[in-house]
Amino acid sequence: MELDSLLMFVIACLSINLIPGPDVVYIVSNTMKGKMASGLKAALGLGAGYFVHTLAACLGLSAIILSSALAFNIVKWLGAAYLLYLGVKALISCWQGQSRIVIGDNATSNTNVFLQGVVVSVLNPKVALFFLSFLPQFIDPASGEVATQLLILGLLFSGLATLVNLLYAACGSWLFNRADSKRYARRLEGVSGVLLVGLAGKVAISES
């Protein structure tokens, strides 16, 4: 893979994972209900689930990309539309100041946090849809080894996502108990939204 494409992929991964979404809510809520160790277990459980989605995406997308150029282009365009949707949604949330962070204070601590994190991630259809729409944007079918490219990108995304989740687990309870937590979440959504819309636009105007 070219260095500029890989760098863009890393930036896109970070912009997506920094958005305070359901995964962050799950991690921070476990941190608040128990100790930081609970949040770390939740982050690692979600990371294990991402790895499962990576393997599934490698198997499914490899067959599509290698069998039909038309099908591959359709997947890429649908993926670009989905990334545009995520970006616009983040920008609207930023504009309206409506953070999606909702931490329940009355929930009880779960003793099987890691296993629950795996189940939450694996059974989340939005994660599967995201993998199917996101990874093809950075694949070059002409270079061959499509499955290898998908595996590398999927593992890189899973690693970066887990790293961000671990950071949220480490400082999440402190961060989202602050009075300016909504402003923090709003800024993250704004920056991430701009990056996602830009990525979707790049795919739309690309000749390849």
N, C-alpha and C. Protein backbone atom coordinates (compact mmCIF):
# COMPACT_ATOMS: atom_id res chain seq x y z
N MET A 1 0.83 -1.20 0.00
CA MET A 1 0.00 0.00 0.00
C MET A 1 0.87 1.25 0.00
N GLU A 2 0.40 2.31 -0.68
CA GLU A 2 1.13 3.56 -0.70
C GLU A 2 1.03 4.25 0.65
N LEU A 3 2.08 5.00 0.99
CA LEU A 3 2.17 5.62 2.31
C LEU A 3 1.06 6.64 2.52
N ASP A 4 0.74 7.43 1.46
CA ASP A 4 -0.29 8.46 1.63
C ASP A 4 -1.66 7.84 1.85
N SER A 5 -1.94 6.72 1.17
CA SER A 5 -3.21 6.03 1.38
C SER A 5 -3.29 5.45 2.79
N LEU A 6 -2.18 4.89 3.27
CA LEU A 6 -2.15 4.33 4.61
C LEU A 6 -2.32 5.42 5.65
N LEU A 7 -1.70 6.57 5.42
CA LEU A 7 -1.84 7.69 6.36
C LEU A 7 -3.28 8.19 6.39
N MET A 8 -3.90 8.28 5.21
CA MET A 8 -5.31 8.70 5.17
C MET A 8 -6.20 7.70 5.90
N PHE A 9 -5.87 6.42 5.76
CA PHE A 9 -6.64 5.39 6.45
C PHE A 9 -6.53 5.56 7.96
N VAL A 10 -5.33 5.82 8.45
CA VAL A 10 -5.12 6.00 9.89
C VAL A 10 -5.90 7.22 10.39
N ILE A 11 -5.85 8.32 9.64
CA ILE A 11 -6.59 9.53 10.03
C ILE A 11 -8.08 9.26 10.06
N ALA A 12 -8.58 8.55 9.05
CA ALA A 12 -10.00 8.23 9.00
C ALA A 12 -10.40 7.34 10.18
N CYS A 13 -9.56 6.36 10.50
CA CYS A 13 -9.84 5.46 11.63
C CYS A 13 -9.95 6.24 12.93
N LEU A 14 -8.98 7.13 13.16
CA LEU A 14 -8.97 7.90 14.40
C LEU A 14 -10.17 8.84 14.47
N SER A 15 -10.51 9.46 13.33
CA SER A 15 -11.65 10.39 13.33
C SER A 15 -12.95 9.68 13.64
N ILE A 16 -13.08 8.45 13.16
CA ILE A 16 -14.30 7.69 13.41
C ILE A 16 -14.36 7.20 14.85
N ASN A 17 -13.23 6.69 15.34
CA ASN A 17 -13.23 6.09 16.68
C ASN A 17 -13.27 7.13 17.79
N LEU A 18 -12.87 8.37 17.50
CA LEU A 18 -12.91 9.40 18.53
C LEU A 18 -14.32 9.94 18.76
N ILE A 19 -15.23 9.69 17.79
CA ILE A 19 -16.62 10.14 17.97
C ILE A 19 -17.23 9.39 19.16
N PRO A 20 -17.73 10.12 20.15
CA PRO A 20 -18.35 9.44 21.31
C PRO A 20 -19.66 8.76 20.91
N GLY A 21 -19.57 7.49 20.58
CA GLY A 21 -20.74 6.72 20.17
C GLY A 21 -21.10 5.64 21.18
N PRO A 22 -21.89 4.64 20.75
CA PRO A 22 -22.34 3.58 21.66
C PRO A 22 -21.21 2.81 22.33
N ASP A 23 -20.12 2.56 21.60
CA ASP A 23 -19.00 1.85 22.21
C ASP A 23 -18.40 2.64 23.36
N VAL A 24 -18.27 3.96 23.16
CA VAL A 24 -17.72 4.81 24.22
C VAL A 24 -18.66 4.83 25.42
N VAL A 25 -19.96 4.90 25.15
CA VAL A 25 -20.94 4.88 26.24
C VAL A 25 -20.80 3.60 27.05
N TYR A 26 -20.65 2.48 26.36
CA TYR A 26 -20.51 1.18 27.04
C TYR A 26 -19.25 1.16 27.90
N ILE A 27 -18.15 1.66 27.36
CA ILE A 27 -16.88 1.65 28.10
C ILE A 27 -16.95 2.57 29.32
N VAL A 28 -17.39 3.81 29.10
CA VAL A 28 -17.41 4.80 30.18
C VAL A 28 -18.41 4.41 31.27
N SER A 29 -19.54 3.85 30.86
CA SER A 29 -20.53 3.44 31.86
C SER A 29 -19.98 2.34 32.75
N ASN A 30 -19.23 1.41 32.17
CA ASN A 30 -18.61 0.35 32.98
C ASN A 30 -17.52 0.92 33.89
N THR A 31 -16.81 1.92 33.40
CA THR A 31 -15.79 2.56 34.23
C THR A 31 -16.44 3.26 35.41
N MET A 32 -17.57 3.91 35.16
CA MET A 32 -18.25 4.64 36.23
C MET A 32 -18.90 3.70 37.23
N LYS A 33 -19.41 2.57 36.73
CA LYS A 33 -20.10 1.63 37.62
C LYS A 33 -19.13 0.83 38.48
N GLY A 34 -17.95 0.57 37.94
CA GLY A 34 -16.99 -0.21 38.69
C GLY A 34 -15.69 0.54 38.86
N LYS A 35 -14.60 -0.08 38.45
CA LYS A 35 -13.30 0.57 38.51
C LYS A 35 -12.79 0.74 37.08
N MET A 36 -11.63 1.35 36.97
CA MET A 36 -11.06 1.53 35.65
C MET A 36 -10.82 0.19 34.97
N ALA A 37 -10.55 -0.85 35.78
CA ALA A 37 -10.33 -2.18 35.22
C ALA A 37 -11.55 -2.66 34.44
N SER A 38 -12.74 -2.30 34.89
CA SER A 38 -13.97 -2.69 34.19
C SER A 38 -14.02 -2.03 32.81
N GLY A 39 -13.65 -0.77 32.75
CA GLY A 39 -13.62 -0.08 31.47
C GLY A 39 -12.59 -0.66 30.53
N LEU A 40 -11.44 -1.06 31.07
CA LEU A 40 -10.39 -1.67 30.24
C LEU A 40 -10.85 -3.01 29.69
N LYS A 41 -11.53 -3.80 30.53
CA LYS A 41 -12.06 -5.09 30.07
C LYS A 41 -13.10 -4.88 28.97
N ALA A 42 -13.95 -3.86 29.14
CA ALA A 42 -14.96 -3.57 28.13
C ALA A 42 -14.30 -3.20 26.80
N ALA A 43 -13.23 -2.37 26.86
CA ALA A 43 -12.52 -1.96 25.65
C ALA A 43 -11.87 -3.15 24.95
N LEU A 44 -11.27 -4.04 25.72
CA LEU A 44 -10.62 -5.22 25.13
C LEU A 44 -11.66 -6.18 24.55
N GLY A 45 -12.81 -6.29 25.20
CA GLY A 45 -13.88 -7.14 24.67
C GLY A 45 -14.40 -6.63 23.34
N LEU A 46 -14.59 -5.32 23.25
CA LEU A 46 -15.01 -4.74 21.97
C LEU A 46 -13.95 -4.96 20.90
N GLY A 47 -12.67 -4.85 21.29
CA GLY A 47 -11.59 -5.07 20.35
C GLY A 47 -11.58 -6.49 19.80
N ALA A 48 -11.85 -7.46 20.65
CA ALA A 48 -11.95 -8.85 20.19
C ALA A 48 -13.09 -9.01 19.20
N GLY A 49 -14.18 -8.30 19.43
CA GLY A 49 -15.30 -8.34 18.49
C GLY A 49 -14.95 -7.72 17.16
N TYR A 50 -14.16 -6.64 17.17
CA TYR A 50 -13.71 -6.03 15.91
C TYR A 50 -12.90 -7.02 15.09
N PHE A 51 -12.10 -7.83 15.77
CA PHE A 51 -11.27 -8.82 15.07
C PHE A 51 -12.16 -9.84 14.35
N VAL A 52 -13.25 -10.24 14.98
CA VAL A 52 -14.19 -11.16 14.34
C VAL A 52 -14.78 -10.54 13.08
N HIS A 53 -15.15 -9.26 13.17
CA HIS A 53 -15.69 -8.57 12.01
C HIS A 53 -14.63 -8.44 10.91
N THR A 54 -13.37 -8.29 11.30
CA THR A 54 -12.29 -8.21 10.32
C THR A 54 -12.21 -9.49 9.51
N LEU A 55 -12.25 -10.64 10.18
CA LEU A 55 -12.19 -11.92 9.49
C LEU A 55 -13.39 -12.10 8.56
N ALA A 56 -14.57 -11.73 9.04
CA ALA A 56 -15.78 -11.87 8.22
C ALA A 56 -15.70 -10.96 6.99
N ALA A 57 -15.21 -9.75 7.18
CA ALA A 57 -15.09 -8.82 6.05
C ALA A 57 -14.09 -9.33 5.03
N CYS A 58 -12.99 -9.91 5.50
CA CYS A 58 -11.98 -10.45 4.58
C CYS A 58 -12.58 -11.55 3.70
N LEU A 59 -13.35 -12.43 4.29
CA LEU A 59 -13.95 -13.53 3.53
C LEU A 59 -14.99 -13.03 2.55
N GLY A 60 -15.89 -12.18 3.02
CA GLY A 60 -16.98 -11.72 2.18
C GLY A 60 -16.55 -10.75 1.10
N LEU A 61 -15.76 -9.74 1.48
CA LEU A 61 -15.35 -8.73 0.51
C LEU A 61 -14.36 -9.27 -0.52
N SER A 62 -13.51 -10.20 -0.11
CA SER A 62 -12.57 -10.79 -1.05
C SER A 62 -13.31 -11.46 -2.20
N ALA A 63 -14.37 -12.19 -1.88
CA ALA A 63 -15.15 -12.87 -2.91
C ALA A 63 -15.80 -11.87 -3.86
N ILE A 64 -16.32 -10.75 -3.30
CA ILE A 64 -16.98 -9.73 -4.13
C ILE A 64 -15.98 -9.04 -5.04
N ILE A 65 -14.85 -8.63 -4.47
CA ILE A 65 -13.87 -7.86 -5.23
C ILE A 65 -13.26 -8.69 -6.36
N LEU A 66 -12.97 -9.95 -6.07
CA LEU A 66 -12.32 -10.79 -7.06
C LEU A 66 -13.28 -11.30 -8.12
N SER A 67 -14.58 -11.32 -7.84
CA SER A 67 -15.54 -11.90 -8.78
C SER A 67 -16.12 -10.88 -9.75
N SER A 68 -16.25 -9.63 -9.31
CA SER A 68 -16.95 -8.67 -10.17
C SER A 68 -16.47 -7.25 -9.89
N ALA A 69 -15.97 -6.59 -10.95
CA ALA A 69 -15.57 -5.19 -10.82
C ALA A 69 -16.78 -4.30 -10.56
N LEU A 70 -17.91 -4.64 -11.19
CA LEU A 70 -19.14 -3.86 -11.00
C LEU A 70 -19.60 -3.95 -9.54
N ALA A 71 -19.60 -5.17 -9.00
CA ALA A 71 -20.02 -5.34 -7.61
C ALA A 71 -19.10 -4.58 -6.67
N PHE A 72 -17.81 -4.59 -6.98
CA PHE A 72 -16.85 -3.87 -6.14
C PHE A 72 -17.13 -2.37 -6.18
N ASN A 73 -17.40 -1.83 -7.37
CA ASN A 73 -17.70 -0.41 -7.48
C ASN A 73 -18.99 -0.05 -6.76
N ILE A 74 -19.98 -0.94 -6.82
CA ILE A 74 -21.23 -0.69 -6.10
C ILE A 74 -20.98 -0.64 -4.60
N VAL A 75 -20.18 -1.59 -4.10
CA VAL A 75 -19.85 -1.60 -2.68
C VAL A 75 -19.12 -0.31 -2.29
N LYS A 76 -18.20 0.15 -3.15
CA LYS A 76 -17.45 1.37 -2.84
C LYS A 76 -18.37 2.59 -2.80
N TRP A 77 -19.29 2.67 -3.76
CA TRP A 77 -20.20 3.82 -3.78
C TRP A 77 -21.16 3.80 -2.59
N LEU A 78 -21.67 2.63 -2.26
CA LEU A 78 -22.53 2.53 -1.08
C LEU A 78 -21.73 2.87 0.17
N GLY A 79 -20.47 2.44 0.20
CA GLY A 79 -19.63 2.77 1.34
C GLY A 79 -19.38 4.26 1.45
N ALA A 80 -19.14 4.90 0.31
CA ALA A 80 -18.94 6.35 0.33
C ALA A 80 -20.19 7.07 0.82
N ALA A 81 -21.36 6.58 0.39
CA ALA A 81 -22.62 7.18 0.85
C ALA A 81 -22.79 7.00 2.35
N TYR A 82 -22.39 5.82 2.86
CA TYR A 82 -22.52 5.57 4.29
C TYR A 82 -21.56 6.45 5.09
N LEU A 83 -20.35 6.61 4.59
CA LEU A 83 -19.39 7.49 5.27
C LEU A 83 -19.89 8.94 5.26
N LEU A 84 -20.49 9.35 4.14
CA LEU A 84 -21.07 10.69 4.06
C LEU A 84 -22.19 10.84 5.08
N TYR A 85 -23.02 9.80 5.22
CA TYR A 85 -24.10 9.82 6.20
C TYR A 85 -23.55 9.98 7.62
N LEU A 86 -22.50 9.22 7.95
CA LEU A 86 -21.90 9.32 9.27
C LEU A 86 -21.34 10.72 9.51
N GLY A 87 -20.68 11.28 8.49
CA GLY A 87 -20.10 12.60 8.63
C GLY A 87 -21.16 13.67 8.82
N VAL A 88 -22.22 13.64 8.02
CA VAL A 88 -23.30 14.63 8.13
C VAL A 88 -24.00 14.49 9.49
N LYS A 89 -24.21 13.26 9.93
CA LYS A 89 -24.84 13.03 11.22
C LYS A 89 -24.01 13.63 12.35
N ALA A 90 -22.69 13.46 12.28
CA ALA A 90 -21.80 14.02 13.30
C ALA A 90 -21.83 15.55 13.26
N LEU A 91 -21.86 16.12 12.05
CA LEU A 91 -21.90 17.58 11.93
C LEU A 91 -23.20 18.15 12.46
N ILE A 92 -24.31 17.47 12.18
CA ILE A 92 -25.61 17.93 12.69
C ILE A 92 -25.63 17.88 14.21
N SER A 93 -25.09 16.79 14.77
CA SER A 93 -25.02 16.67 16.22
C SER A 93 -24.16 17.77 16.82
N CYS A 94 -23.05 18.08 16.13
CA CYS A 94 -22.18 19.16 16.60
C CYS A 94 -22.89 20.50 16.53
N TRP A 95 -23.60 20.75 15.43
CA TRP A 95 -24.30 22.02 15.24
C TRP A 95 -25.40 22.22 16.27
N GLN A 96 -26.13 21.15 16.55
CA GLN A 96 -27.24 21.24 17.50
C GLN A 96 -26.79 21.13 18.95
N GLY A 97 -25.54 20.72 19.15
CA GLY A 97 -25.04 20.57 20.51
C GLY A 97 -25.68 19.44 21.27
N GLN A 98 -26.11 18.41 20.55
CA GLN A 98 -26.79 17.27 21.18
C GLN A 98 -25.84 16.08 21.21
N SER A 99 -25.10 15.95 22.30
CA SER A 99 -24.17 14.83 22.43
C SER A 99 -24.94 13.54 22.64
N ARG A 100 -24.42 12.46 22.07
CA ARG A 100 -25.05 11.16 22.21
C ARG A 100 -24.57 10.41 23.45
N ILE A 101 -23.77 11.07 24.28
CA ILE A 101 -23.28 10.45 25.50
C ILE A 101 -24.37 10.49 26.56
N VAL A 102 -24.87 9.34 26.92
CA VAL A 102 -25.86 9.22 27.98
C VAL A 102 -25.42 8.11 28.90
N ILE A 103 -24.95 8.47 30.07
CA ILE A 103 -24.44 7.50 31.03
C ILE A 103 -25.48 7.28 32.12
N GLY A 104 -25.91 6.04 32.26
CA GLY A 104 -26.91 5.73 33.29
C GLY A 104 -26.26 5.56 34.65
N ASP A 105 -26.83 6.23 35.65
CA ASP A 105 -26.28 6.15 37.01
C ASP A 105 -26.86 4.99 37.81
N ASN A 106 -27.97 4.45 37.37
CA ASN A 106 -28.66 3.43 38.16
C ASN A 106 -28.33 2.01 37.72
N ALA A 107 -27.43 1.85 36.76
CA ALA A 107 -27.10 0.52 36.26
C ALA A 107 -26.15 -0.16 37.23
N THR A 108 -26.26 -1.47 37.29
CA THR A 108 -25.40 -2.25 38.17
C THR A 108 -24.19 -2.75 37.42
N SER A 109 -23.12 -2.99 38.14
CA SER A 109 -21.89 -3.44 37.52
C SER A 109 -22.03 -4.86 37.01
N ASN A 110 -21.42 -5.14 35.86
CA ASN A 110 -21.49 -6.47 35.26
C ASN A 110 -20.17 -7.19 35.51
N THR A 111 -20.25 -8.43 35.97
CA THR A 111 -19.04 -9.18 36.29
C THR A 111 -18.39 -9.77 35.04
N ASN A 112 -19.14 -9.92 33.96
CA ASN A 112 -18.60 -10.49 32.72
C ASN A 112 -18.46 -9.39 31.67
N VAL A 113 -17.72 -8.35 32.03
CA VAL A 113 -17.62 -7.17 31.17
C VAL A 113 -16.94 -7.51 29.85
N PHE A 114 -15.85 -8.28 29.89
CA PHE A 114 -15.12 -8.61 28.67
C PHE A 114 -15.99 -9.42 27.71
N LEU A 115 -16.61 -10.46 28.21
CA LEU A 115 -17.45 -11.32 27.36
C LEU A 115 -18.62 -10.54 26.80
N GLN A 116 -19.21 -9.69 27.62
CA GLN A 116 -20.32 -8.88 27.14
C GLN A 116 -19.85 -7.93 26.05
N GLY A 117 -18.64 -7.39 26.19
CA GLY A 117 -18.10 -6.51 25.16
C GLY A 117 -17.93 -7.22 23.84
N VAL A 118 -17.46 -8.47 23.88
CA VAL A 118 -17.32 -9.27 22.66
C VAL A 118 -18.68 -9.47 22.00
N VAL A 119 -19.68 -9.85 22.80
CA VAL A 119 -21.02 -10.11 22.28
C VAL A 119 -21.63 -8.83 21.69
N VAL A 120 -21.48 -7.72 22.42
CA VAL A 120 -22.03 -6.45 21.95
C VAL A 120 -21.44 -6.07 20.59
N SER A 121 -20.13 -6.26 20.44
CA SER A 121 -19.45 -5.89 19.20
C SER A 121 -19.82 -6.84 18.06
N VAL A 122 -19.77 -8.15 18.31
CA VAL A 122 -20.01 -9.14 17.25
C VAL A 122 -21.44 -9.07 16.75
N LEU A 123 -22.39 -8.86 17.65
CA LEU A 123 -23.80 -8.87 17.26
C LEU A 123 -24.33 -7.50 16.84
N ASN A 124 -23.45 -6.52 16.76
CA ASN A 124 -23.87 -5.19 16.35
C ASN A 124 -23.85 -5.09 14.82
N PRO A 125 -25.01 -5.02 14.18
CA PRO A 125 -25.03 -4.98 12.71
C PRO A 125 -24.40 -3.72 12.15
N LYS A 126 -24.38 -2.63 12.92
CA LYS A 126 -23.78 -1.40 12.45
C LYS A 126 -22.27 -1.55 12.29
N VAL A 127 -21.65 -2.37 13.15
CA VAL A 127 -20.21 -2.60 13.03
C VAL A 127 -19.91 -3.37 11.75
N ALA A 128 -20.73 -4.40 11.48
CA ALA A 128 -20.55 -5.17 10.25
C ALA A 128 -20.74 -4.29 9.02
N LEU A 129 -21.77 -3.46 9.04
CA LEU A 129 -22.03 -2.56 7.92
C LEU A 129 -20.88 -1.59 7.73
N PHE A 130 -20.34 -1.11 8.84
CA PHE A 130 -19.23 -0.17 8.75
C PHE A 130 -18.01 -0.82 8.12
N PHE A 131 -17.68 -2.03 8.56
CA PHE A 131 -16.52 -2.72 8.00
C PHE A 131 -16.71 -2.95 6.50
N LEU A 132 -17.91 -3.35 6.09
CA LEU A 132 -18.17 -3.63 4.68
C LEU A 132 -18.11 -2.36 3.83
N SER A 133 -18.41 -1.21 4.43
CA SER A 133 -18.43 0.03 3.66
C SER A 133 -17.11 0.79 3.75
N PHE A 134 -16.37 0.59 4.83
CA PHE A 134 -15.18 1.40 5.07
C PHE A 134 -13.92 0.80 4.42
N LEU A 135 -13.69 -0.47 4.64
CA LEU A 135 -12.45 -1.08 4.18
C LEU A 135 -12.26 -1.03 2.65
N PRO A 136 -13.32 -1.25 1.84
CA PRO A 136 -13.11 -1.23 0.38
C PRO A 136 -12.62 0.11 -0.16
N GLN A 137 -12.83 1.20 0.59
CA GLN A 137 -12.40 2.51 0.10
C GLN A 137 -10.87 2.59 -0.08
N PHE A 138 -10.14 1.70 0.58
CA PHE A 138 -8.68 1.78 0.57
C PHE A 138 -8.04 0.56 -0.09
N ILE A 139 -8.83 -0.23 -0.78
CA ILE A 139 -8.32 -1.43 -1.44
C ILE A 139 -7.97 -1.13 -2.89
N ASP A 140 -6.85 -1.66 -3.34
CA ASP A 140 -6.46 -1.55 -4.74
C ASP A 140 -6.51 -2.96 -5.35
N PRO A 141 -7.60 -3.30 -6.03
CA PRO A 141 -7.73 -4.66 -6.59
C PRO A 141 -6.64 -4.99 -7.61
N ALA A 142 -6.14 -3.97 -8.31
CA ALA A 142 -5.15 -4.22 -9.37
C ALA A 142 -3.82 -4.71 -8.81
N SER A 143 -3.56 -4.40 -7.55
CA SER A 143 -2.28 -4.80 -6.97
C SER A 143 -2.27 -6.24 -6.50
N GLY A 144 -3.44 -6.89 -6.51
CA GLY A 144 -3.52 -8.28 -6.07
C GLY A 144 -3.53 -8.40 -4.56
N GLU A 145 -3.59 -9.65 -4.08
CA GLU A 145 -3.58 -9.91 -2.64
C GLU A 145 -4.66 -9.10 -1.92
N VAL A 146 -5.88 -9.17 -2.45
CA VAL A 146 -6.99 -8.41 -1.87
C VAL A 146 -7.25 -8.83 -0.43
N ALA A 147 -7.27 -10.14 -0.20
CA ALA A 147 -7.54 -10.63 1.15
C ALA A 147 -6.48 -10.15 2.13
N THR A 148 -5.23 -10.11 1.69
CA THR A 148 -4.15 -9.64 2.56
C THR A 148 -4.32 -8.16 2.88
N GLN A 149 -4.67 -7.36 1.87
CA GLN A 149 -4.92 -5.94 2.10
C GLN A 149 -6.05 -5.74 3.10
N LEU A 150 -7.15 -6.47 2.91
CA LEU A 150 -8.28 -6.36 3.82
C LEU A 150 -7.89 -6.74 5.25
N LEU A 151 -7.12 -7.81 5.37
CA LEU A 151 -6.71 -8.28 6.69
C LEU A 151 -5.83 -7.24 7.38
N ILE A 152 -4.88 -6.68 6.65
CA ILE A 152 -3.98 -5.68 7.23
C ILE A 152 -4.77 -4.44 7.66
N LEU A 153 -5.65 -3.96 6.79
CA LEU A 153 -6.45 -2.78 7.12
C LEU A 153 -7.39 -3.06 8.28
N GLY A 154 -8.01 -4.24 8.28
CA GLY A 154 -8.92 -4.59 9.36
C GLY A 154 -8.22 -4.69 10.70
N LEU A 155 -7.04 -5.29 10.70
CA LEU A 155 -6.28 -5.40 11.95
C LEU A 155 -5.79 -4.03 12.41
N LEU A 156 -5.40 -3.19 11.46
CA LEU A 156 -4.96 -1.84 11.82
C LEU A 156 -6.11 -1.05 12.41
N PHE A 157 -7.28 -1.14 11.78
CA PHE A 157 -8.45 -0.44 12.31
C PHE A 157 -8.80 -0.96 13.71
N SER A 158 -8.81 -2.28 13.87
CA SER A 158 -9.15 -2.87 15.17
C SER A 158 -8.16 -2.43 16.24
N GLY A 159 -6.86 -2.38 15.88
CA GLY A 159 -5.85 -1.95 16.84
C GLY A 159 -6.02 -0.50 17.24
N LEU A 160 -6.27 0.38 16.25
CA LEU A 160 -6.46 1.79 16.56
C LEU A 160 -7.74 2.02 17.36
N ALA A 161 -8.80 1.30 17.00
CA ALA A 161 -10.06 1.43 17.73
C ALA A 161 -9.90 0.98 19.18
N THR A 162 -9.20 -0.12 19.37
CA THR A 162 -8.98 -0.61 20.73
C THR A 162 -8.13 0.36 21.52
N LEU A 163 -7.12 0.95 20.89
CA LEU A 163 -6.28 1.93 21.57
C LEU A 163 -7.10 3.13 22.03
N VAL A 164 -7.94 3.65 21.14
CA VAL A 164 -8.80 4.78 21.50
C VAL A 164 -9.75 4.39 22.63
N ASN A 165 -10.32 3.19 22.54
CA ASN A 165 -11.24 2.73 23.59
C ASN A 165 -10.54 2.59 24.93
N LEU A 166 -9.29 2.12 24.91
CA LEU A 166 -8.53 2.01 26.16
C LEU A 166 -8.27 3.39 26.76
N LEU A 167 -8.02 4.37 25.90
CA LEU A 167 -7.85 5.74 26.39
C LEU A 167 -9.13 6.27 27.02
N TYR A 168 -10.26 5.97 26.38
CA TYR A 168 -11.54 6.36 26.96
C TYR A 168 -11.76 5.67 28.30
N ALA A 169 -11.37 4.40 28.40
CA ALA A 169 -11.54 3.67 29.65
C ALA A 169 -10.66 4.26 30.74
N ALA A 170 -9.45 4.70 30.36
CA ALA A 170 -8.51 5.21 31.35
C ALA A 170 -8.93 6.57 31.91
N CYS A 171 -9.49 7.42 31.05
CA CYS A 171 -9.83 8.76 31.52
C CYS A 171 -11.29 9.12 31.27
N GLY A 172 -12.09 8.14 30.87
CA GLY A 172 -13.47 8.42 30.50
C GLY A 172 -14.32 8.93 31.64
N SER A 173 -14.24 8.29 32.80
CA SER A 173 -15.09 8.71 33.92
C SER A 173 -14.74 10.12 34.36
N TRP A 174 -13.44 10.45 34.34
CA TRP A 174 -13.03 11.82 34.70
C TRP A 174 -13.48 12.81 33.64
N LEU A 175 -13.33 12.42 32.38
CA LEU A 175 -13.62 13.32 31.28
C LEU A 175 -15.11 13.65 31.20
N PHE A 176 -15.96 12.62 31.29
CA PHE A 176 -17.38 12.85 31.09
C PHE A 176 -18.12 13.22 32.37
N ASN A 177 -17.39 13.38 33.47
CA ASN A 177 -17.98 13.95 34.68
C ASN A 177 -17.71 15.45 34.78
N ARG A 178 -16.90 15.97 33.87
CA ARG A 178 -16.58 17.39 33.88
C ARG A 178 -17.75 18.20 33.34
N ALA A 179 -17.79 19.45 33.75
CA ALA A 179 -18.89 20.32 33.34
C ALA A 179 -18.84 20.62 31.85
N ASP A 180 -17.63 20.60 31.26
CA ASP A 180 -17.50 20.94 29.84
C ASP A 180 -17.43 19.70 28.96
N SER A 181 -17.93 18.55 29.45
CA SER A 181 -17.85 17.31 28.69
C SER A 181 -18.65 17.39 27.38
N LYS A 182 -19.79 18.07 27.41
CA LYS A 182 -20.59 18.19 26.19
C LYS A 182 -19.85 18.99 25.12
N ARG A 183 -19.13 20.01 25.57
CA ARG A 183 -18.36 20.82 24.61
C ARG A 183 -17.25 19.98 23.99
N TYR A 184 -16.63 19.14 24.81
CA TYR A 184 -15.57 18.25 24.31
C TYR A 184 -16.14 17.29 23.26
N ALA A 185 -17.26 16.65 23.59
CA ALA A 185 -17.89 15.71 22.66
C ALA A 185 -18.32 16.43 21.39
N ARG A 186 -18.80 17.66 21.52
CA ARG A 186 -19.26 18.42 20.37
C ARG A 186 -18.11 18.73 19.42
N ARG A 187 -16.97 19.10 19.95
CA ARG A 187 -15.81 19.41 19.11
C ARG A 187 -15.31 18.16 18.39
N LEU A 188 -15.28 17.04 19.11
CA LEU A 188 -14.84 15.80 18.47
C LEU A 188 -15.75 15.43 17.31
N GLU A 189 -17.05 15.56 17.52
CA GLU A 189 -17.99 15.21 16.45
C GLU A 189 -17.84 16.14 15.26
N GLY A 190 -17.57 17.41 15.53
CA GLY A 190 -17.39 18.36 14.44
C GLY A 190 -16.18 18.03 13.58
N VAL A 191 -15.04 17.80 14.23
CA VAL A 191 -13.82 17.48 13.50
C VAL A 191 -13.97 16.15 12.75
N SER A 192 -14.53 15.16 13.42
CA SER A 192 -14.71 13.86 12.79
C SER A 192 -15.67 13.94 11.62
N GLY A 193 -16.73 14.73 11.76
CA GLY A 193 -17.69 14.89 10.67
C GLY A 193 -17.06 15.48 9.43
N VAL A 194 -16.22 16.51 9.60
CA VAL A 194 -15.54 17.13 8.46
C VAL A 194 -14.62 16.12 7.76
N LEU A 195 -13.88 15.35 8.53
CA LEU A 195 -12.98 14.36 7.95
C LEU A 195 -13.73 13.28 7.19
N LEU A 196 -14.85 12.83 7.73
CA LEU A 196 -15.63 11.78 7.07
C LEU A 196 -16.27 12.28 5.78
N VAL A 197 -16.79 13.48 5.81
CA VAL A 197 -17.37 14.06 4.59
C VAL A 197 -16.28 14.24 3.53
N GLY A 198 -15.10 14.68 3.96
CA GLY A 198 -13.99 14.83 3.02
C GLY A 198 -13.58 13.49 2.42
N LEU A 199 -13.56 12.45 3.22
CA LEU A 199 -13.21 11.12 2.73
C LEU A 199 -14.23 10.64 1.71
N ALA A 200 -15.53 10.84 2.02
CA ALA A 200 -16.57 10.44 1.08
C ALA A 200 -16.45 11.21 -0.24
N GLY A 201 -16.10 12.50 -0.15
CA GLY A 201 -15.93 13.30 -1.34
C GLY A 201 -14.75 12.83 -2.18
N LYS A 202 -13.68 12.44 -1.53
CA LYS A 202 -12.51 11.94 -2.26
C LYS A 202 -12.85 10.68 -3.04
N VAL A 203 -13.63 9.80 -2.42
CA VAL A 203 -14.04 8.59 -3.10
C VAL A 203 -14.93 8.92 -4.30
N ALA A 204 -15.81 9.91 -4.11
CA ALA A 204 -16.77 10.25 -5.17
C ALA A 204 -16.08 10.82 -6.41
N ILE A 205 -15.01 11.59 -6.23
CA ILE A 205 -14.35 12.24 -7.37
C ILE A 205 -13.16 11.44 -7.89
N SER A 206 -12.88 10.30 -7.23
CA SER A 206 -11.75 9.50 -7.67
C SER A 206 -12.07 8.83 -8.99
N GLU A 207 -11.08 8.78 -9.87
CA GLU A 207 -11.29 8.15 -11.19
C GLU A 207 -11.18 6.63 -11.11
N SER A 208 -10.49 6.12 -10.11
CA SER A 208 -10.27 4.66 -10.04
C SER A 208 -11.42 4.00 -9.35
